[in-house]
Amino acid sequence: MPELAVAADAAWNEAAALLHDDFASFAACCFRALNPRTRFVMNWHVEVMTGKLAAVREGRIRRLMICVPPRHLKSLLASVCFRRGVWATIRARRSYAPVTRRTSPTNCRAIAGAS
């Protein structure tokens, strides 16, 4: 029985490392946590947005404007997933602009509870 526990711990650590390193996987996990009955479909525009947001997190991009039509996950990715991802990885830095939408704090708390 201890071998199964070790294997499960190793799988959990690998999944946690993937979510920490790959922002697209983290965004998909956040989407599933917030919308459990809706199927998440990764598309090229989501990959581009998550790649650019990951570059912002790493400091390679200082300013980013996302211009896509409504209902293409830009608010979820930039306002909810990005904030939670940055707060989870860099806890010491707390100089982010206040949340403007009323649903964003609730979504961030829901993601925090799910992860």
PDB file of N, CA and C in Angstrom:
ATOM      1  N   MET A   1       0.803  -1.210   0.000  1.00  0.00           N
ATOM      2  CA  MET A   1       0.000   0.000   0.000  1.00  0.00           C
ATOM      3  C   MET A   1       0.843   1.270   0.000  1.00  0.00           C
ATOM      4  N   PRO A   2       2.015   1.315   0.658  1.00  0.00           N
ATOM      5  CA  PRO A   2       2.818   2.537   0.623  1.00  0.00           C
ATOM      6  C   PRO A   2       3.272   2.908  -0.785  1.00  0.00           C
ATOM      7  N   GLU A   3       3.461   1.916  -1.672  1.00  0.00           N
ATOM      8  CA  GLU A   3       3.878   2.223  -3.035  1.00  0.00           C
ATOM      9  C   GLU A   3       2.816   3.044  -3.759  1.00  0.00           C
ATOM     10  N   LEU A   4       1.548   2.734  -3.538  1.00  0.00           N
ATOM     11  CA  LEU A   4       0.480   3.505  -4.174  1.00  0.00           C
ATOM     12  C   LEU A   4       0.467   4.933  -3.672  1.00  0.00           C
ATOM     13  N   ALA A   5       0.703   5.129  -2.402  1.00  0.00           N
ATOM     14  CA  ALA A   5       0.728   6.477  -1.853  1.00  0.00           C
ATOM     15  C   ALA A   5       1.875   7.275  -2.448  1.00  0.00           C
ATOM     16  N   VAL A   6       3.022   6.645  -2.616  1.00  0.00           N
ATOM     17  CA  VAL A   6       4.164   7.327  -3.211  1.00  0.00           C
ATOM     18  C   VAL A   6       3.870   7.670  -4.668  1.00  0.00           C
ATOM     19  N   ALA A   7       3.264   6.754  -5.403  1.00  0.00           N
ATOM     20  CA  ALA A   7       2.924   7.006  -6.800  1.00  0.00           C
ATOM     21  C   ALA A   7       1.898   8.127  -6.913  1.00  0.00           C
ATOM     22  N   ALA A   8       0.918   8.131  -6.019  1.00  0.00           N
ATOM     23  CA  ALA A   8      -0.089   9.191  -6.048  1.00  0.00           C
ATOM     24  C   ALA A   8       0.534  10.536  -5.712  1.00  0.00           C
ATOM     25  N   ASP A   9       1.450  10.564  -4.742  1.00  0.00           N
ATOM     26  CA  ASP A   9       2.137  11.806  -4.398  1.00  0.00           C
ATOM     27  C   ASP A   9       2.982  12.305  -5.558  1.00  0.00           C
ATOM     28  N   ALA A  10       3.652  11.387  -6.248  1.00  0.00           N
ATOM     29  CA  ALA A  10       4.474  11.781  -7.390  1.00  0.00           C
ATOM     30  C   ALA A  10       3.605  12.335  -8.509  1.00  0.00           C
ATOM     31  N   ALA A  11       2.464  11.706  -8.756  1.00  0.00           N
ATOM     32  CA  ALA A  11       1.555  12.208  -9.794  1.00  0.00           C
ATOM     33  C   ALA A  11       1.012  13.578  -9.412  1.00  0.00           C
ATOM     34  N   TRP A  12       0.683  13.755  -8.141  1.00  0.00           N
ATOM     35  CA  TRP A  12       0.180  15.055  -7.676  1.00  0.00           C
ATOM     36  C   TRP A  12       1.242  16.130  -7.823  1.00  0.00           C
ATOM     37  N   ASN A  13       2.496  15.806  -7.492  1.00  0.00           N
ATOM     38  CA  ASN A  13       3.581  16.777  -7.620  1.00  0.00           C
ATOM     39  C   ASN A  13       3.829  17.146  -9.076  1.00  0.00           C
ATOM     40  N   GLU A  14       3.728  16.170  -9.979  1.00  0.00           N
ATOM     41  CA  GLU A  14       3.897  16.454 -11.402  1.00  0.00           C
ATOM     42  C   GLU A  14       2.784  17.341 -11.917  1.00  0.00           C
ATOM     43  N   ALA A  15       1.544  17.090 -11.490  1.00  0.00           N
ATOM     44  CA  ALA A  15       0.415  17.922 -11.907  1.00  0.00           C
ATOM     45  C   ALA A  15       0.557  19.340 -11.362  1.00  0.00           C
ATOM     46  N   ALA A  16       0.975  19.463 -10.114  1.00  0.00           N
ATOM     47  CA  ALA A  16       1.167  20.791  -9.519  1.00  0.00           C
ATOM     48  C   ALA A  16       2.279  21.548 -10.232  1.00  0.00           C
ATOM     49  N   ALA A  17       3.345  20.848 -10.600  1.00  0.00           N
ATOM     50  CA  ALA A  17       4.438  21.508 -11.331  1.00  0.00           C
ATOM     51  C   ALA A  17       3.976  21.960 -12.712  1.00  0.00           C
ATOM     52  N   LEU A  18       3.156  21.154 -13.375  1.00  0.00           N
ATOM     53  CA  LEU A  18       2.630  21.545 -14.678  1.00  0.00           C
ATOM     54  C   LEU A  18       1.753  22.788 -14.562  1.00  0.00           C
ATOM     55  N   LEU A  19       0.885  22.826 -13.557  1.00  0.00           N
ATOM     56  CA  LEU A  19       0.021  23.990 -13.371  1.00  0.00           C
ATOM     57  C   LEU A  19       0.828  25.224 -13.005  1.00  0.00           C
ATOM     58  N   HIS A  20       1.939  25.039 -12.308  1.00  0.00           N
ATOM     59  CA  HIS A  20       2.781  26.168 -11.939  1.00  0.00           C
ATOM     60  C   HIS A  20       3.561  26.705 -13.133  1.00  0.00           C
ATOM     61  N   ASP A  21       4.047  25.808 -13.987  1.00  0.00           N
ATOM     62  CA  ASP A  21       4.907  26.211 -15.101  1.00  0.00           C
ATOM     63  C   ASP A  21       4.147  26.580 -16.363  1.00  0.00           C
ATOM     64  N   ASP A  22       3.024  25.943 -16.632  1.00  0.00           N
ATOM     65  CA  ASP A  22       2.292  26.149 -17.875  1.00  0.00           C
ATOM     66  C   ASP A  22       1.007  26.923 -17.589  1.00  0.00           C
ATOM     67  N   PHE A  23       0.977  28.199 -18.002  1.00  0.00           N
ATOM     68  CA  PHE A  23      -0.171  29.041 -17.701  1.00  0.00           C
ATOM     69  C   PHE A  23      -1.423  28.578 -18.445  1.00  0.00           C
ATOM     70  N   ALA A  24      -1.273  27.981 -19.626  1.00  0.00           N
ATOM     71  CA  ALA A  24      -2.435  27.494 -20.368  1.00  0.00           C
ATOM     72  C   ALA A  24      -3.126  26.359 -19.606  1.00  0.00           C
ATOM     73  N   SER A  25      -2.362  25.466 -19.023  1.00  0.00           N
ATOM     74  CA  SER A  25      -2.949  24.385 -18.218  1.00  0.00           C
ATOM     75  C   SER A  25      -3.612  24.936 -16.967  1.00  0.00           C
ATOM     76  N   PHE A  26      -2.986  25.941 -16.354  1.00  0.00           N
ATOM     77  CA  PHE A  26      -3.572  26.568 -15.174  1.00  0.00           C
ATOM     78  C   PHE A  26      -4.893  27.250 -15.534  1.00  0.00           C
ATOM     79  N   ALA A  27      -4.932  27.919 -16.689  1.00  0.00           N
ATOM     80  CA  ALA A  27      -6.163  28.587 -17.124  1.00  0.00           C
ATOM     81  C   ALA A  27      -7.268  27.565 -17.396  1.00  0.00           C
ATOM     82  N   ALA A  28      -6.919  26.444 -18.002  1.00  0.00           N
ATOM     83  CA  ALA A  28      -7.921  25.400 -18.250  1.00  0.00           C
ATOM     84  C   ALA A  28      -8.446  24.830 -16.929  1.00  0.00           C
ATOM     85  N   CYS A  29      -7.563  24.647 -15.952  1.00  0.00           N
ATOM     86  CA  CYS A  29      -7.988  24.160 -14.639  1.00  0.00           C
ATOM     87  C   CYS A  29      -8.896  25.178 -13.952  1.00  0.00           C
ATOM     88  N   CYS A  30      -8.568  26.465 -14.070  1.00  0.00           N
ATOM     89  CA  CYS A  30      -9.408  27.515 -13.488  1.00  0.00           C
ATOM     90  C   CYS A  30     -10.779  27.550 -14.155  1.00  0.00           C
ATOM     91  N   PHE A  31     -10.810  27.411 -15.474  1.00  0.00           N
ATOM     92  CA  PHE A  31     -12.080  27.409 -16.196  1.00  0.00           C
ATOM     93  C   PHE A  31     -12.965  26.256 -15.721  1.00  0.00           C
ATOM     94  N   ARG A  32     -12.358  25.071 -15.568  1.00  0.00           N
ATOM     95  CA  ARG A  32     -13.123  23.915 -15.104  1.00  0.00           C
ATOM     96  C   ARG A  32     -13.614  24.096 -13.670  1.00  0.00           C
ATOM     97  N   ALA A  33     -12.825  24.767 -12.837  1.00  0.00           N
ATOM     98  CA  ALA A  33     -13.243  24.998 -11.454  1.00  0.00           C
ATOM     99  C   ALA A  33     -14.405  25.984 -11.383  1.00  0.00           C
ATOM    100  N   LEU A  34     -14.396  26.980 -12.261  1.00  0.00           N
ATOM    101  CA  LEU A  34     -15.448  28.001 -12.244  1.00  0.00           C
ATOM    102  C   LEU A  34     -16.692  27.591 -13.021  1.00  0.00           C
ATOM    103  N   ASN A  35     -16.520  26.775 -14.054  1.00  0.00           N
ATOM    104  CA  ASN A  35     -17.629  26.344 -14.908  1.00  0.00           C
ATOM    105  C   ASN A  35     -17.602  24.825 -15.046  1.00  0.00           C
ATOM    106  N   PRO A  36     -17.994  24.093 -14.017  1.00  0.00           N
ATOM    107  CA  PRO A  36     -17.835  22.633 -14.077  1.00  0.00           C
ATOM    108  C   PRO A  36     -18.715  21.944 -15.117  1.00  0.00           C
ATOM    109  N   ARG A  37     -19.802  22.564 -15.519  1.00  0.00           N
ATOM    110  CA  ARG A  37     -20.693  21.912 -16.490  1.00  0.00           C
ATOM    111  C   ARG A  37     -20.423  22.330 -17.923  1.00  0.00           C
ATOM    112  N   THR A  38     -19.486  23.229 -18.126  1.00  0.00           N
ATOM    113  CA  THR A  38     -19.165  23.710 -19.468  1.00  0.00           C
ATOM    114  C   THR A  38     -17.852  23.087 -19.918  1.00  0.00           C
ATOM    115  N   ARG A  39     -17.834  22.616 -21.143  1.00  0.00           N
ATOM    116  CA  ARG A  39     -16.633  21.987 -21.687  1.00  0.00           C
ATOM    117  C   ARG A  39     -15.650  23.059 -22.121  1.00  0.00           C
ATOM    118  N   PHE A  40     -14.387  22.930 -21.743  1.00  0.00           N
ATOM    119  CA  PHE A  40     -13.345  23.875 -22.136  1.00  0.00           C
ATOM    120  C   PHE A  40     -12.687  23.369 -23.408  1.00  0.00           C
ATOM    121  N   VAL A  41     -12.640  24.215 -24.417  1.00  0.00           N
ATOM    122  CA  VAL A  41     -12.006  23.864 -25.679  1.00  0.00           C
ATOM    123  C   VAL A  41     -10.825  24.804 -25.889  1.00  0.00           C
ATOM    124  N   MET A  42      -9.630  24.240 -25.902  1.00  0.00           N
ATOM    125  CA  MET A  42      -8.431  25.043 -26.141  1.00  0.00           C
ATOM    126  C   MET A  42      -8.379  25.394 -27.623  1.00  0.00           C
ATOM    127  N   ASN A  43      -8.247  26.674 -27.909  1.00  0.00           N
ATOM    128  CA  ASN A  43      -8.184  27.142 -29.283  1.00  0.00           C
ATOM    129  C   ASN A  43      -6.932  27.988 -29.440  1.00  0.00           C
ATOM    130  N   TRP A  44      -6.606  28.350 -30.676  1.00  0.00           N
ATOM    131  CA  TRP A  44      -5.368  29.074 -30.927  1.00  0.00           C
ATOM    132  C   TRP A  44      -5.356  30.424 -30.233  1.00  0.00           C
ATOM    133  N   HIS A  45      -6.500  31.113 -30.159  1.00  0.00           N
ATOM    134  CA  HIS A  45      -6.501  32.436 -29.542  1.00  0.00           C
ATOM    135  C   HIS A  45      -6.298  32.341 -28.027  1.00  0.00           C
ATOM    136  N   VAL A  46      -6.751  31.254 -27.416  1.00  0.00           N
ATOM    137  CA  VAL A  46      -6.521  31.053 -25.988  1.00  0.00           C
ATOM    138  C   VAL A  46      -5.046  30.752 -25.746  1.00  0.00           C
ATOM    139  N   GLU A  47      -4.433  29.966 -26.624  1.00  0.00           N
ATOM    140  CA  GLU A  47      -3.009  29.670 -26.504  1.00  0.00           C
ATOM    141  C   GLU A  47      -2.170  30.932 -26.646  1.00  0.00           C
ATOM    142  N   VAL A  48      -2.544  31.807 -27.589  1.00  0.00           N
ATOM    143  CA  VAL A  48      -1.798  33.057 -27.777  1.00  0.00           C
ATOM    144  C   VAL A  48      -1.946  33.955 -26.551  1.00  0.00           C
ATOM    145  N   MET A  49      -3.183  34.100 -26.042  1.00  0.00           N
ATOM    146  CA  MET A  49      -3.394  34.949 -24.871  1.00  0.00           C
ATOM    147  C   MET A  49      -2.648  34.410 -23.653  1.00  0.00           C
ATOM    148  N   THR A  50      -2.707  33.097 -23.420  1.00  0.00           N
ATOM    149  CA  THR A  50      -2.008  32.540 -22.261  1.00  0.00           C
ATOM    150  C   THR A  50      -0.494  32.646 -22.429  1.00  0.00           C
ATOM    151  N   GLY A  51      -0.004  32.516 -23.644  1.00  0.00           N
ATOM    152  CA  GLY A  51       1.432  32.693 -23.885  1.00  0.00           C
ATOM    153  C   GLY A  51       1.888  34.113 -23.610  1.00  0.00           C
ATOM    154  N   LYS A  52       1.101  35.079 -24.048  1.00  0.00           N
ATOM    155  CA  LYS A  52       1.448  36.484 -23.794  1.00  0.00           C
ATOM    156  C   LYS A  52       1.342  36.817 -22.310  1.00  0.00           C
ATOM    157  N   LEU A  53       0.319  36.295 -21.626  1.00  0.00           N
ATOM    158  CA  LEU A  53       0.187  36.540 -20.190  1.00  0.00           C
ATOM    159  C   LEU A  53       1.312  35.869 -19.407  1.00  0.00           C
ATOM    160  N   ALA A  54       1.763  34.716 -19.865  1.00  0.00           N
ATOM    161  CA  ALA A  54       2.920  34.073 -19.224  1.00  0.00           C
ATOM    162  C   ALA A  54       4.171  34.915 -19.411  1.00  0.00           C
ATOM    163  N   ALA A  55       4.310  35.548 -20.583  1.00  0.00           N
ATOM    164  CA  ALA A  55       5.455  36.434 -20.821  1.00  0.00           C
ATOM    165  C   ALA A  55       5.384  37.670 -19.922  1.00  0.00           C
ATOM    166  N   VAL A  56       4.185  38.160 -19.659  1.00  0.00           N
ATOM    167  CA  VAL A  56       4.022  39.273 -18.722  1.00  0.00           C
ATOM    168  C   VAL A  56       4.444  38.833 -17.327  1.00  0.00           C
ATOM    169  N   ARG A  57       4.025  37.658 -16.917  1.00  0.00           N
ATOM    170  CA  ARG A  57       4.381  37.139 -15.591  1.00  0.00           C
ATOM    171  C   ARG A  57       5.884  36.977 -15.432  1.00  0.00           C
ATOM    172  N   GLU A  58       6.553  36.569 -16.516  1.00  0.00           N
ATOM    173  CA  GLU A  58       8.001  36.378 -16.474  1.00  0.00           C
ATOM    174  C   GLU A  58       8.771  37.679 -16.627  1.00  0.00           C
ATOM    175  N   GLY A  59       8.091  38.757 -16.991  1.00  0.00           N
ATOM    176  CA  GLY A  59       8.744  40.048 -17.135  1.00  0.00           C
ATOM    177  C   GLY A  59       9.282  40.333 -18.526  1.00  0.00           C
ATOM    178  N   ARG A  60       8.997  39.475 -19.487  1.00  0.00           N
ATOM    179  CA  ARG A  60       9.464  39.710 -20.853  1.00  0.00           C
ATOM    180  C   ARG A  60       8.621  40.743 -21.576  1.00  0.00           C
ATOM    181  N   ILE A  61       7.370  40.912 -21.167  1.00  0.00           N
ATOM    182  CA  ILE A  61       6.476  41.926 -21.733  1.00  0.00           C
ATOM    183  C   ILE A  61       6.044  42.823 -20.581  1.00  0.00           C
ATOM    184  N   ARG A  62       6.164  44.133 -20.797  1.00  0.00           N
ATOM    185  CA  ARG A  62       5.789  45.075 -19.736  1.00  0.00           C
ATOM    186  C   ARG A  62       4.384  45.618 -19.906  1.00  0.00           C
ATOM    187  N   ARG A  63       3.919  45.740 -21.134  1.00  0.00           N
ATOM    188  CA  ARG A  63       2.571  46.235 -21.399  1.00  0.00           C
ATOM    189  C   ARG A  63       1.898  45.292 -22.389  1.00  0.00           C
ATOM    190  N   LEU A  64       0.643  45.000 -22.137  1.00  0.00           N
ATOM    191  CA  LEU A  64      -0.080  44.079 -23.006  1.00  0.00           C
ATOM    192  C   LEU A  64      -1.518  44.546 -23.140  1.00  0.00           C
ATOM    193  N   MET A  65      -1.978  44.647 -24.368  1.00  0.00           N
ATOM    194  CA  MET A  65      -3.379  44.947 -24.639  1.00  0.00           C
ATOM    195  C   MET A  65      -3.957  43.759 -25.393  1.00  0.00           C
ATOM    196  N   ILE A  66      -5.043  43.222 -24.881  1.00  0.00           N
ATOM    197  CA  ILE A  66      -5.691  42.067 -25.503  1.00  0.00           C
ATOM    198  C   ILE A  66      -6.951  42.552 -26.200  1.00  0.00           C
ATOM    199  N   CYS A  67      -6.977  42.413 -27.506  1.00  0.00           N
ATOM    200  CA  CYS A  67      -8.119  42.867 -28.305  1.00  0.00           C
ATOM    201  C   CYS A  67      -8.722  41.676 -29.041  1.00  0.00           C
ATOM    202  N   VAL A  68      -9.697  41.067 -28.435  1.00  0.00           N
ATOM    203  CA  VAL A  68     -10.453  39.989 -29.069  1.00  0.00           C
ATOM    204  C   VAL A  68     -11.931  40.276 -28.830  1.00  0.00           C
ATOM    205  N   PRO A  69     -12.801  39.709 -29.636  1.00  0.00           N
ATOM    206  CA  PRO A  69     -14.239  39.957 -29.460  1.00  0.00           C
ATOM    207  C   PRO A  69     -14.741  39.454 -28.107  1.00  0.00           C
ATOM    208  N   PRO A  70     -15.922  39.921 -27.719  1.00  0.00           N
ATOM    209  CA  PRO A  70     -16.500  39.432 -26.461  1.00  0.00           C
ATOM    210  C   PRO A  70     -16.717  37.917 -26.486  1.00  0.00           C
ATOM    211  N   ARG A  71     -16.735  37.323 -25.291  1.00  0.00           N
ATOM    212  CA  ARG A  71     -16.971  35.892 -25.095  1.00  0.00           C
ATOM    213  C   ARG A  71     -15.839  35.024 -25.646  1.00  0.00           C
ATOM    214  N   HIS A  72     -14.618  35.543 -25.624  1.00  0.00           N
ATOM    215  CA  HIS A  72     -13.454  34.770 -26.050  1.00  0.00           C
ATOM    216  C   HIS A  72     -12.472  34.551 -24.897  1.00  0.00           C
ATOM    217  N   LEU A  73     -12.942  34.641 -23.649  1.00  0.00           N
ATOM    218  CA  LEU A  73     -12.205  34.327 -22.421  1.00  0.00           C
ATOM    219  C   LEU A  73     -11.139  35.343 -22.039  1.00  0.00           C
ATOM    220  N   LYS A  74     -11.144  36.529 -22.620  1.00  0.00           N
ATOM    221  CA  LYS A  74     -10.097  37.484 -22.255  1.00  0.00           C
ATOM    222  C   LYS A  74     -10.254  37.979 -20.826  1.00  0.00           C
ATOM    223  N   SER A  75     -11.479  38.206 -20.360  1.00  0.00           N
ATOM    224  CA  SER A  75     -11.677  38.661 -18.983  1.00  0.00           C
ATOM    225  C   SER A  75     -11.328  37.566 -17.985  1.00  0.00           C
ATOM    226  N   LEU A  76     -11.730  36.350 -18.270  1.00  0.00           N
ATOM    227  CA  LEU A  76     -11.419  35.239 -17.368  1.00  0.00           C
ATOM    228  C   LEU A  76      -9.916  35.024 -17.287  1.00  0.00           C
ATOM    229  N   LEU A  77      -9.242  35.060 -18.435  1.00  0.00           N
ATOM    230  CA  LEU A  77      -7.805  34.815 -18.447  1.00  0.00           C
ATOM    231  C   LEU A  77      -7.022  35.946 -17.791  1.00  0.00           C
ATOM    232  N   ALA A  78      -7.336  37.196 -18.173  1.00  0.00           N
ATOM    233  CA  ALA A  78      -6.540  38.326 -17.700  1.00  0.00           C
ATOM    234  C   ALA A  78      -6.936  38.794 -16.306  1.00  0.00           C
ATOM    235  N   SER A  79      -8.218  38.796 -15.999  1.00  0.00           N
ATOM    236  CA  SER A  79      -8.657  39.350 -14.719  1.00  0.00           C
ATOM    237  C   SER A  79      -8.691  38.324 -13.600  1.00  0.00           C
ATOM    238  N   VAL A  80      -8.979  37.082 -13.916  1.00  0.00           N
ATOM    239  CA  VAL A  80      -9.153  36.084 -12.862  1.00  0.00           C
ATOM    240  C   VAL A  80      -7.959  35.129 -12.816  1.00  0.00           C
ATOM    241  N   CYS A  81      -7.708  34.407 -13.892  1.00  0.00           N
ATOM    242  CA  CYS A  81      -6.651  33.395 -13.888  1.00  0.00           C
ATOM    243  C   CYS A  81      -5.268  34.014 -13.735  1.00  0.00           C
ATOM    244  N   PHE A  82      -5.021  35.099 -14.440  1.00  0.00           N
ATOM    245  CA  PHE A  82      -3.702  35.720 -14.371  1.00  0.00           C
ATOM    246  C   PHE A  82      -3.417  36.248 -12.969  1.00  0.00           C
ATOM    247  N   ARG A  83      -4.397  36.930 -12.385  1.00  0.00           N
ATOM    248  CA  ARG A  83      -4.201  37.454 -11.032  1.00  0.00           C
ATOM    249  C   ARG A  83      -3.953  36.327 -10.045  1.00  0.00           C
ATOM    250  N   ARG A  84      -4.752  35.275 -10.122  1.00  0.00           N
ATOM    251  CA  ARG A  84      -4.591  34.165  -9.195  1.00  0.00           C
ATOM    252  C   ARG A  84      -3.270  33.445  -9.433  1.00  0.00           C
ATOM    253  N   GLY A  85      -2.880  33.297 -10.681  1.00  0.00           N
ATOM    254  CA  GLY A  85      -1.612  32.649 -10.989  1.00  0.00           C
ATOM    255  C   GLY A  85      -0.418  33.437 -10.487  1.00  0.00           C
ATOM    256  N   VAL A  86      -0.476  34.747 -10.645  1.00  0.00           N
ATOM    257  CA  VAL A  86       0.616  35.589 -10.170  1.00  0.00           C
ATOM    258  C   VAL A  86       0.638  35.616  -8.658  1.00  0.00           C
ATOM    259  N   TRP A  87      -0.532  35.743  -8.034  1.00  0.00           N
ATOM    260  CA  TRP A  87      -0.587  35.765  -6.572  1.00  0.00           C
ATOM    261  C   TRP A  87      -0.126  34.439  -5.988  1.00  0.00           C
ATOM    262  N   ALA A  88      -0.378  33.353  -6.690  1.00  0.00           N
ATOM    263  CA  ALA A  88       0.037  32.047  -6.176  1.00  0.00           C
ATOM    264  C   ALA A  88       1.544  31.861  -6.285  1.00  0.00           C
ATOM    265  N   THR A  89       2.171  32.432  -7.301  1.00  0.00           N
ATOM    266  CA  THR A  89       3.599  32.223  -7.498  1.00  0.00           C
ATOM    267  C   THR A  89       4.448  33.307  -6.841  1.00  0.00           C
ATOM    268  N   ILE A  90       3.941  34.519  -6.777  1.00  0.00           N
ATOM    269  CA  ILE A  90       4.701  35.622  -6.190  1.00  0.00           C
ATOM    270  C   ILE A  90       3.868  36.212  -5.065  1.00  0.00           C
ATOM    271  N   ARG A  91       3.973  35.675  -3.896  1.00  0.00           N
ATOM    272  CA  ARG A  91       3.148  36.122  -2.772  1.00  0.00           C
ATOM    273  C   ARG A  91       3.669  37.408  -2.146  1.00  0.00           C
ATOM    274  N   ALA A  92       4.916  37.703  -2.303  1.00  0.00           N
ATOM    275  CA  ALA A  92       5.487  38.875  -1.643  1.00  0.00           C
ATOM    276  C   ALA A  92       5.050  40.183  -2.306  1.00  0.00           C
ATOM    277  N   ARG A  93       4.825  40.152  -3.600  1.00  0.00           N
ATOM    278  CA  ARG A  93       4.460  41.366  -4.317  1.00  0.00           C
ATOM    279  C   ARG A  93       2.946  41.571  -4.237  1.00  0.00           C
ATOM    280  N   ARG A  94       2.506  42.713  -3.723  1.00  0.00           N
ATOM    281  CA  ARG A  94       1.083  42.979  -3.543  1.00  0.00           C
ATOM    282  C   ARG A  94       0.695  44.327  -4.133  1.00  0.00           C
ATOM    283  N   SER A  95       1.317  44.729  -5.224  1.00  0.00           N
ATOM    284  CA  SER A  95       1.062  46.056  -5.788  1.00  0.00           C
ATOM    285  C   SER A  95       0.218  46.005  -7.050  1.00  0.00           C
ATOM    286  N   TYR A  96      -0.853  45.226  -7.025  1.00  0.00           N
ATOM    287  CA  TYR A  96      -1.707  45.123  -8.195  1.00  0.00           C
ATOM    288  C   TYR A  96      -2.876  46.086  -8.078  1.00  0.00           C
ATOM    289  N   ALA A  97      -3.377  46.499  -9.221  1.00  0.00           N
ATOM    290  CA  ALA A  97      -4.510  47.424  -9.232  1.00  0.00           C
ATOM    291  C   ALA A  97      -5.732  46.743  -8.627  1.00  0.00           C
ATOM    292  N   PRO A  98      -6.620  47.504  -8.012  1.00  0.00           N
ATOM    293  CA  PRO A  98      -7.806  46.885  -7.417  1.00  0.00           C
ATOM    294  C   PRO A  98      -8.708  46.261  -8.473  1.00  0.00           C
ATOM    295  N   VAL A  99      -9.445  45.280  -8.064  1.00  0.00           N
ATOM    296  CA  VAL A  99     -10.346  44.571  -8.968  1.00  0.00           C
ATOM    297  C   VAL A  99     -11.518  45.482  -9.299  1.00  0.00           C
ATOM    298  N   THR A 100     -11.829  45.606 -10.580  1.00  0.00           N
ATOM    299  CA  THR A 100     -12.884  46.518 -10.988  1.00  0.00           C
ATOM    300  C   THR A 100     -14.227  45.827 -11.148  1.00  0.00           C
ATOM    301  N   ARG A 101     -14.220  44.572 -11.548  1.00  0.00           N
ATOM    302  CA  ARG A 101     -15.488  43.858 -11.720  1.00  0.00           C
ATOM    303  C   ARG A 101     -15.914  43.218 -10.424  1.00  0.00           C
ATOM    304  N   ARG A 102     -17.190  43.128 -10.202  1.00  0.00           N
ATOM    305  CA  ARG A 102     -17.694  42.553  -8.959  1.00  0.00           C
ATOM    306  C   ARG A 102     -17.527  41.032  -8.924  1.00  0.00           C
ATOM    307  N   THR A 103     -17.491  40.376 -10.068  1.00  0.00           N
ATOM    308  CA  THR A 103     -17.395  38.913 -10.065  1.00  0.00           C
ATOM    309  C   THR A 103     -15.961  38.430  -9.918  1.00  0.00           C
ATOM    310  N   SER A 104     -14.974  39.250 -10.196  1.00  0.00           N
ATOM    311  CA  SER A 104     -13.588  38.800 -10.143  1.00  0.00           C
ATOM    312  C   SER A 104     -13.145  38.355  -8.761  1.00  0.00           C
ATOM    313  N   PRO A 105     -13.449  39.095  -7.663  1.00  0.00           N
ATOM    314  CA  PRO A 105     -13.020  38.601  -6.358  1.00  0.00           C
ATOM    315  C   PRO A 105     -13.650  37.258  -5.992  1.00  0.00           C
ATOM    316  N   THR A 106     -14.900  37.079  -6.354  1.00  0.00           N
ATOM    317  CA  THR A 106     -15.571  35.812  -6.081  1.00  0.00           C
ATOM    318  C   THR A 106     -14.918  34.688  -6.862  1.00  0.00           C
ATOM    319  N   ASN A 107     -14.608  34.934  -8.124  1.00  0.00           N
ATOM    320  CA  ASN A 107     -13.955  33.915  -8.949  1.00  0.00           C
ATOM    321  C   ASN A 107     -12.561  33.596  -8.433  1.00  0.00           C
ATOM    322  N   CYS A 108     -11.816  34.618  -7.999  1.00  0.00           N
ATOM    323  CA  CYS A 108     -10.479  34.366  -7.466  1.00  0.00           C
ATOM    324  C   CYS A 108     -10.556  33.519  -6.202  1.00  0.00           C
ATOM    325  N   ARG A 109     -11.540  33.786  -5.343  1.00  0.00           N
ATOM    326  CA  ARG A 109     -11.707  32.983  -4.141  1.00  0.00           C
ATOM    327  C   ARG A 109     -12.107  31.556  -4.487  1.00  0.00           C
ATOM    328  N   ALA A 110     -12.943  31.385  -5.512  1.00  0.00           N
ATOM    329  CA  ALA A 110     -13.360  30.037  -5.919  1.00  0.00           C
ATOM    330  C   ALA A 110     -12.178  29.245  -6.449  1.00  0.00           C
ATOM    331  N   ILE A 111     -11.302  29.894  -7.210  1.00  0.00           N
ATOM    332  CA  ILE A 111     -10.113  29.226  -7.724  1.00  0.00           C
ATOM    333  C   ILE A 111      -9.170  28.883  -6.580  1.00  0.00           C
ATOM    334  N   ALA A 112      -9.040  29.791  -5.625  1.00  0.00           N
ATOM    335  CA  ALA A 112      -8.166  29.532  -4.477  1.00  0.00           C
ATOM    336  C   ALA A 112      -8.659  28.329  -3.688  1.00  0.00           C
ATOM    337  N   GLY A 113      -9.973  28.198  -3.568  1.00  0.00           N
ATOM    338  CA  GLY A 113     -10.529  27.058  -2.847  1.00  0.00           C
ATOM    339  C   GLY A 113     -10.380  25.760  -3.617  1.00  0.00           C
ATOM    340  N   ALA A 114     -10.386  25.845  -4.951  1.00  0.00           N
ATOM    341  CA  ALA A 114     -10.294  24.633  -5.770  1.00  0.00           C
ATOM    342  C   ALA A 114      -8.860  24.147  -5.905  1.00  0.00           C
ATOM    343  N   SER A 115      -7.897  25.050  -5.797  1.00  0.00           N
ATOM    344  CA  SER A 115      -6.503  24.632  -6.005  1.00  0.00           C
ATOM    345  C   SER A 115      -5.805  24.278  -4.734  1.00  0.00           C
TER     346      SER A 115
END
